Amino acid sequence: MAWAAHQMRQVYTDYHVGIDPRDITLDEIRFFYMPLVESLCELQRQAQKAKKR
């Protein structure tokens, strides 16, 4: 379940969700998190390129 905690933190960081963290469901975490995946992957690619320089 560590993945859910990471996703939840990302959701709350990016969206400032008005749901109490104790009440958010896995479906809600996925709903908010999935649109972030592409941009998070791009950030990781950029960070890896910067390390190689």
C-alpha atoms as a PDB file:
ATOM      1  CA  MET A   1       0.000   0.000   0.000  1.00  0.00           C
ATOM      2  CA  ALA A   2       3.042   2.287  -0.048  1.00  0.00           C
ATOM      3  CA  TRP A   3       2.164   3.217  -3.636  1.00  0.00           C
ATOM      4  CA  ALA A   4      -1.204   4.573  -2.487  1.00  0.00           C
ATOM      5  CA  ALA A   5       0.460   6.791   0.113  1.00  0.00           C
ATOM      6  CA  HIS A   6       2.836   8.207  -2.523  1.00  0.00           C
ATOM      7  CA  GLN A   7      -0.021   8.811  -4.925  1.00  0.00           C
ATOM      8  CA  MET A   8      -2.149  10.386  -2.201  1.00  0.00           C
ATOM      9  CA  ARG A   9       0.645  12.821  -1.280  1.00  0.00           C
ATOM     10  CA  GLN A  10       1.031  13.781  -4.941  1.00  0.00           C
ATOM     11  CA  VAL A  11      -2.718  14.310  -5.303  1.00  0.00           C
ATOM     12  CA  TYR A  12      -2.886  16.524  -2.219  1.00  0.00           C
ATOM     13  CA  THR A  13       0.207  18.456  -3.323  1.00  0.00           C
ATOM     14  CA  ASP A  14      -1.054  19.134  -6.847  1.00  0.00           C
ATOM     15  CA  TYR A  15      -4.793  19.489  -6.321  1.00  0.00           C
ATOM     16  CA  HIS A  16      -5.286  20.607  -2.708  1.00  0.00           C
ATOM     17  CA  VAL A  17      -8.177  18.168  -2.538  1.00  0.00           C
ATOM     18  CA  GLY A  18     -10.933  19.119  -0.111  1.00  0.00           C
ATOM     19  CA  ILE A  19     -11.301  15.534   1.118  1.00  0.00           C
ATOM     20  CA  ASP A  20     -10.055  14.586   4.564  1.00  0.00           C
ATOM     21  CA  PRO A  21      -7.048  12.271   3.983  1.00  0.00           C
ATOM     22  CA  ARG A  22      -8.607   9.745   6.361  1.00  0.00           C
ATOM     23  CA  ASP A  23     -11.700   9.551   4.163  1.00  0.00           C
ATOM     24  CA  ILE A  24     -10.263   9.430   0.623  1.00  0.00           C
ATOM     25  CA  THR A  25     -10.806   6.141  -1.191  1.00  0.00           C
ATOM     26  CA  LEU A  26      -8.405   4.299  -3.491  1.00  0.00           C
ATOM     27  CA  ASP A  27     -10.746   5.012  -6.399  1.00  0.00           C
ATOM     28  CA  GLU A  28     -10.579   8.738  -5.645  1.00  0.00           C
ATOM     29  CA  ILE A  29      -6.793   8.617  -5.389  1.00  0.00           C
ATOM     30  CA  ARG A  30      -6.610   6.922  -8.787  1.00  0.00           C
ATOM     31  CA  PHE A  31      -9.127   9.390 -10.271  1.00  0.00           C
ATOM     32  CA  PHE A  32      -6.982  12.378  -9.288  1.00  0.00           C
ATOM     33  CA  TYR A  33      -3.587  10.706  -9.827  1.00  0.00           C
ATOM     34  CA  MET A  34      -3.966   9.198 -13.293  1.00  0.00           C
ATOM     35  CA  PRO A  35      -3.948  12.566 -15.143  1.00  0.00           C
ATOM     36  CA  LEU A  36      -0.630  13.355 -13.404  1.00  0.00           C
ATOM     37  CA  VAL A  37       1.226  10.258 -14.604  1.00  0.00           C
ATOM     38  CA  GLU A  38       2.391  11.618 -17.976  1.00  0.00           C
ATOM     39  CA  SER A  39       3.739  14.876 -16.534  1.00  0.00           C
ATOM     40  CA  LEU A  40       5.416  13.042 -13.620  1.00  0.00           C
ATOM     41  CA  CYS A  41       7.130  10.688 -16.071  1.00  0.00           C
ATOM     42  CA  GLU A  42       8.353  13.664 -18.088  1.00  0.00           C
ATOM     43  CA  LEU A  43       9.763  15.283 -14.948  1.00  0.00           C
ATOM     44  CA  GLN A  44      11.623  12.067 -14.161  1.00  0.00           C
ATOM     45  CA  ARG A  45      13.047  11.901 -17.701  1.00  0.00           C
ATOM     46  CA  GLN A  46      14.258  15.489 -17.431  1.00  0.00           C
ATOM     47  CA  ALA A  47      15.847  14.809 -14.052  1.00  0.00           C
ATOM     48  CA  GLN A  48      17.669  11.763 -15.444  1.00  0.00           C
ATOM     49  CA  LYS A  49      18.957  13.777 -18.420  1.00  0.00           C
ATOM     50  CA  ALA A  50      20.200  16.492 -16.067  1.00  0.00           C
ATOM     51  CA  LYS A  51      22.099  13.902 -14.005  1.00  0.00           C
ATOM     52  CA  LYS A  52      23.891  12.619 -17.110  1.00  0.00           C
ATOM     53  CA  ARG A  53      25.268  16.075 -17.916  1.00  0.00           C
END
